[in-house]
Amino acid sequence: MLARPAVGRVEGRAFMRQRRAGSGLRVAAWVLVPLGLVLMLGGIGYTGTSYKGATVMSEAMAPTYRPGERLLIERTDAGGIRRGDVVLVDVPDRYRGRPVLQRVIGLGGDHVVCCHGGRITVNGKPVDEPYVMHGEVDAGTGEYDVTVPDGRLFLLGDHRANSNDSRFFLGEQSGSVAASGVRGRVQDDPTVPVVLASLGILGIVTALAGTGLGIGGYVAGRRDRRPAEAVPPWPVA
């Protein structure tokens, strides 16, 4: 009797390698596609819901921000606002309903006084304001002494000679505005949104790569299921 041909064993090993490769591709796809979607939604999704762009429309915040300059606005709630933040705020009964960009000087409960020694004080402590245009802290609007009501903000522009801010509405709750009207604060450091956007892009690439591997695994699986070709019997001498 003649020995069995080695061809069948070689073809069998090739078949098994192909089958394992197809299975590996499918496993990789199951890992990469969900991971990519998580990165994409976490990066781009969070960036889209937490940040927005805004264009400076007036000289009120010069020299810090000039008209036409594009700013990144980080959405924040009333509890996250800090003194010194530059906020984009809605004040329905002022400015023809348009949002304005102003700096937070006082929070609810703060005692704001202008001007001792040419400086504003908050709760008795002088405020350092290197951002003010020409160093004019008051710019001739007169002295004021107010306590900011709870849940409200006392806001000033950096260009005090050209800013229609809380100083001109002192008869309306000490010139303050509702903290709930804040849309967000200016984010001068773009590191966080850039990193998040980069993660989102990486997620898209990862999901696409996983999809491609999944397709490759599916095709390999289809080949595995093809009926084997009949092997003619080995001729007997």
Protein backbone atom coordinates (compact mmCIF):
# COMPACT_ATOMS: atom_id res chain seq x y z
CA MET A 1 0.00 0.00 0.00
CA LEU A 2 1.28 3.42 -0.91
CA ALA A 3 1.68 6.17 1.74
CA ARG A 4 -0.95 8.95 1.94
CA PRO A 5 0.13 12.04 0.02
CA ALA A 6 1.51 15.01 2.01
CA VAL A 7 -0.59 17.40 -0.09
CA GLY A 8 -3.68 16.90 2.02
CA ARG A 9 -1.83 17.67 5.24
CA VAL A 10 -0.34 20.86 3.75
CA GLU A 11 -3.73 22.03 2.54
CA GLY A 12 -5.22 21.25 5.95
CA ARG A 13 -2.62 23.33 7.76
CA ALA A 14 -3.15 26.24 5.35
CA PHE A 15 -6.90 25.99 5.94
CA MET A 16 -6.46 26.12 9.70
CA ARG A 17 -4.12 29.10 9.48
CA GLN A 18 -6.66 30.93 7.32
CA ARG A 19 -9.43 30.07 9.74
CA ARG A 20 -7.47 31.30 12.76
CA ALA A 21 -6.58 34.51 10.88
CA GLY A 22 -10.24 35.19 10.11
CA SER A 23 -11.22 34.58 13.73
CA GLY A 24 -8.44 36.93 14.93
CA LEU A 25 -9.63 39.68 12.63
CA ARG A 26 -13.16 39.38 13.96
CA VAL A 27 -11.97 39.51 17.58
CA ALA A 28 -9.88 42.62 16.82
CA ALA A 29 -12.94 44.24 15.24
CA TRP A 30 -15.05 43.51 18.33
CA VAL A 31 -12.44 45.30 20.44
CA LEU A 32 -11.53 48.24 18.20
CA VAL A 33 -14.98 49.34 17.03
CA PRO A 34 -16.50 49.85 20.53
CA LEU A 35 -13.25 51.43 21.75
CA GLY A 36 -13.26 53.82 18.80
CA LEU A 37 -16.88 54.78 19.40
CA VAL A 38 -16.19 55.49 23.08
CA LEU A 39 -13.21 57.71 22.20
CA MET A 40 -15.17 59.48 19.47
CA LEU A 41 -18.23 60.18 21.61
CA GLY A 42 -16.16 61.04 24.67
CA GLY A 43 -13.81 63.37 22.79
CA ILE A 44 -15.84 65.10 20.09
CA GLY A 45 -19.13 64.73 21.96
CA TYR A 46 -17.83 66.30 25.17
CA THR A 47 -16.05 69.07 23.28
CA GLY A 48 -19.23 69.90 21.36
CA THR A 49 -21.39 70.08 24.47
CA SER A 50 -18.87 71.83 26.76
CA TYR A 51 -17.30 74.42 24.46
CA LYS A 52 -18.49 76.89 21.87
CA GLY A 53 -17.01 79.73 19.87
CA ALA A 54 -17.83 83.44 20.18
CA THR A 55 -16.69 86.58 18.38
CA VAL A 56 -15.86 89.78 20.26
CA MET A 57 -18.23 92.48 19.06
CA SER A 58 -17.11 95.63 20.94
CA GLU A 59 -14.18 97.44 22.58
CA ALA A 60 -15.56 96.86 26.08
CA MET A 61 -13.00 94.15 26.91
CA ALA A 62 -9.98 95.80 25.26
CA PRO A 63 -7.05 95.46 25.56
CA THR A 64 -7.63 91.86 26.73
CA TYR A 65 -9.92 90.98 23.82
CA ARG A 66 -10.32 93.03 20.64
CA PRO A 67 -13.31 93.30 18.25
CA GLY A 68 -13.35 90.48 15.72
CA GLU A 69 -11.28 88.15 17.90
CA ARG A 70 -12.57 84.57 18.15
CA LEU A 71 -12.82 83.17 21.66
CA LEU A 72 -13.36 79.70 23.09
CA ILE A 73 -16.21 79.71 25.60
CA GLU A 74 -16.36 76.96 28.20
CA ARG A 75 -19.88 76.27 29.37
CA THR A 76 -20.25 76.54 33.14
CA ASP A 77 -23.06 76.74 35.67
CA ALA A 78 -23.53 79.49 38.21
CA GLY A 79 -21.68 77.54 40.90
CA GLY A 80 -18.52 77.32 38.81
CA ILE A 81 -18.05 81.07 38.29
CA ARG A 82 -15.02 82.70 39.95
CA ARG A 83 -13.96 86.31 40.51
CA GLY A 84 -11.82 87.42 37.60
CA ASP A 85 -13.55 85.17 35.07
CA VAL A 86 -14.52 86.79 31.78
CA VAL A 87 -18.02 85.54 31.09
CA LEU A 88 -20.46 85.60 28.20
CA VAL A 89 -23.77 86.49 29.82
CA ASP A 90 -27.37 87.11 28.79
CA VAL A 91 -29.00 90.14 30.41
CA PRO A 92 -32.56 90.20 29.01
CA ASP A 93 -33.41 93.75 30.13
CA ARG A 94 -30.12 95.30 28.87
CA TYR A 95 -28.08 95.46 25.69
CA ARG A 96 -31.12 94.79 23.46
CA GLY A 97 -31.11 91.17 24.54
CA ARG A 98 -27.66 90.47 23.13
CA PRO A 99 -25.10 88.50 25.17
CA VAL A 100 -22.18 90.56 26.44
CA LEU A 101 -18.62 89.80 27.43
CA GLN A 102 -17.63 91.21 30.84
CA ARG A 103 -15.37 90.40 33.78
CA VAL A 104 -16.64 89.12 37.13
CA ILE A 105 -15.64 91.53 39.90
CA GLY A 106 -18.04 90.47 42.65
CA LEU A 107 -20.06 87.34 43.46
CA GLY A 108 -23.25 87.10 45.50
CA GLY A 109 -22.69 88.53 48.97
CA ASP A 110 -19.51 90.46 48.03
CA HIS A 111 -19.04 94.07 49.13
CA VAL A 112 -17.62 96.02 46.16
CA VAL A 113 -16.27 99.56 46.64
CA CYS A 114 -14.69 101.96 44.16
CA CYS A 115 -12.23 103.42 44.50
CA HIS A 116 -9.79 103.57 47.43
CA GLY A 117 -6.36 104.68 46.28
CA GLY A 118 -7.35 104.19 42.67
CA ARG A 119 -8.27 100.54 43.22
CA ILE A 120 -11.50 98.60 43.58
CA THR A 121 -11.86 96.66 46.81
CA VAL A 122 -13.88 93.47 47.27
CA ASN A 123 -14.71 92.61 50.87
CA GLY A 124 -12.10 95.17 51.95
CA LYS A 125 -9.27 93.72 49.84
CA PRO A 126 -7.82 95.70 46.90
CA VAL A 127 -8.21 93.99 43.53
CA ASP A 128 -5.14 93.85 41.29
CA GLU A 129 -6.28 94.71 37.75
CA PRO A 130 -3.34 94.73 35.32
CA TYR A 131 -5.74 94.05 32.43
CA VAL A 132 -7.51 97.45 32.63
CA MET A 133 -7.06 99.75 29.62
CA HIS A 134 -4.52 102.52 30.39
CA GLY A 135 -4.75 101.58 34.08
CA GLU A 136 -8.03 103.54 34.39
CA VAL A 137 -9.89 101.55 37.05
CA ASP A 138 -12.80 104.00 37.34
CA ALA A 139 -12.55 106.16 34.20
CA GLY A 140 -14.59 109.00 35.73
CA THR A 141 -17.91 107.23 36.44
CA GLY A 142 -17.84 108.11 40.13
CA GLU A 143 -17.55 106.19 43.37
CA TYR A 144 -19.86 103.37 44.31
CA ASP A 145 -20.34 101.12 47.32
CA VAL A 146 -22.55 98.07 46.73
CA THR A 147 -23.27 94.63 48.11
CA VAL A 148 -23.98 92.05 45.41
CA PRO A 149 -27.28 90.19 46.00
CA ASP A 150 -27.11 86.40 46.31
CA GLY A 151 -27.24 84.55 43.02
CA ARG A 152 -26.02 87.59 41.10
CA LEU A 153 -22.75 89.02 39.71
CA PHE A 154 -21.16 92.46 39.57
CA LEU A 155 -19.52 92.79 36.13
CA LEU A 156 -17.14 95.34 34.59
CA GLY A 157 -15.45 95.67 31.23
CA ASP A 158 -11.67 95.98 30.99
CA HIS A 159 -12.01 99.19 28.96
CA ARG A 160 -13.68 101.16 31.75
CA ALA A 161 -14.05 104.32 29.63
CA ASN A 162 -15.95 102.36 26.94
CA SER A 163 -17.96 99.70 28.77
CA ASN A 164 -21.66 99.85 29.59
CA ASP A 165 -21.40 97.59 32.63
CA SER A 166 -22.74 97.22 36.19
CA ARG A 167 -21.63 100.75 37.16
CA PHE A 168 -24.39 102.23 35.01
CA PHE A 169 -27.21 100.17 36.53
CA LEU A 170 -26.56 100.63 40.25
CA GLY A 171 -30.24 101.29 40.89
CA GLU A 172 -31.11 97.80 39.61
CA GLN A 173 -30.04 95.36 42.35
CA SER A 174 -26.71 97.17 42.76
CA GLY A 175 -26.04 96.92 39.05
CA SER A 176 -25.72 93.15 39.25
CA VAL A 177 -26.88 90.52 36.75
CA ALA A 178 -28.30 87.05 37.37
CA ALA A 179 -25.60 84.37 37.54
CA SER A 180 -28.04 82.01 35.82
CA GLY A 181 -27.69 84.13 32.67
CA VAL A 182 -24.04 83.14 32.18
CA ARG A 183 -23.53 81.07 29.04
CA GLY A 184 -19.91 80.29 29.83
CA ARG A 185 -16.48 81.73 30.56
CA VAL A 186 -13.61 82.48 28.23
CA GLN A 187 -11.07 79.65 28.09
CA ASP A 188 -7.67 81.06 27.20
CA ASP A 189 -5.89 77.71 27.46
CA PRO A 190 -7.04 75.47 24.57
CA THR A 191 -5.13 72.40 25.81
CA VAL A 192 -8.13 70.49 27.17
CA PRO A 193 -10.45 70.95 24.16
CA VAL A 194 -7.57 70.20 21.75
CA VAL A 195 -6.77 66.96 23.60
CA LEU A 196 -10.45 65.99 23.65
CA ALA A 197 -10.84 66.72 19.94
CA SER A 198 -7.70 64.67 19.22
CA LEU A 199 -9.14 61.75 21.17
CA GLY A 200 -12.32 62.06 19.12
CA ILE A 201 -10.35 61.90 15.86
CA LEU A 202 -8.35 58.93 17.17
CA GLY A 203 -11.67 57.28 17.99
CA ILE A 204 -12.90 57.74 14.41
CA VAL A 205 -9.70 56.21 13.01
CA THR A 206 -9.87 53.32 15.49
CA ALA A 207 -13.51 52.58 14.68
CA LEU A 208 -12.81 52.64 10.93
CA ALA A 209 -9.80 50.34 11.39
CA GLY A 210 -11.92 47.96 13.43
CA THR A 211 -14.64 48.01 10.79
CA GLY A 212 -12.08 47.16 8.11
CA LEU A 213 -10.73 44.27 10.16
CA GLY A 214 -14.26 43.06 10.77
CA ILE A 215 -14.97 43.02 7.04
CA GLY A 216 -11.72 41.12 6.48
CA GLY A 217 -12.69 38.58 9.12
CA TYR A 218 -16.14 38.16 7.57
CA VAL A 219 -14.65 37.53 4.14
CA ALA A 220 -12.21 35.00 5.61
CA GLY A 221 -15.10 33.31 7.37
CA ARG A 222 -17.01 33.03 4.15
CA ARG A 223 -14.03 31.30 2.57
CA ASP A 224 -13.90 28.87 5.50
CA ARG A 225 -17.47 27.78 4.77
CA ARG A 226 -16.90 27.00 1.10
CA PRO A 227 -17.26 23.27 0.33
CA ALA A 228 -13.93 21.53 -0.06
CA GLU A 229 -13.02 20.44 -3.54
CA ALA A 230 -13.05 16.69 -4.09
CA VAL A 231 -9.55 15.16 -4.13
CA PRO A 232 -9.16 12.42 -6.69
CA PRO A 233 -8.10 9.09 -5.23
CA TRP A 234 -4.42 8.28 -5.32
CA PRO A 235 -3.78 5.92 -8.18
CA VAL A 236 -2.92 2.41 -7.12
CA ALA A 237 -0.14 0.73 -9.05
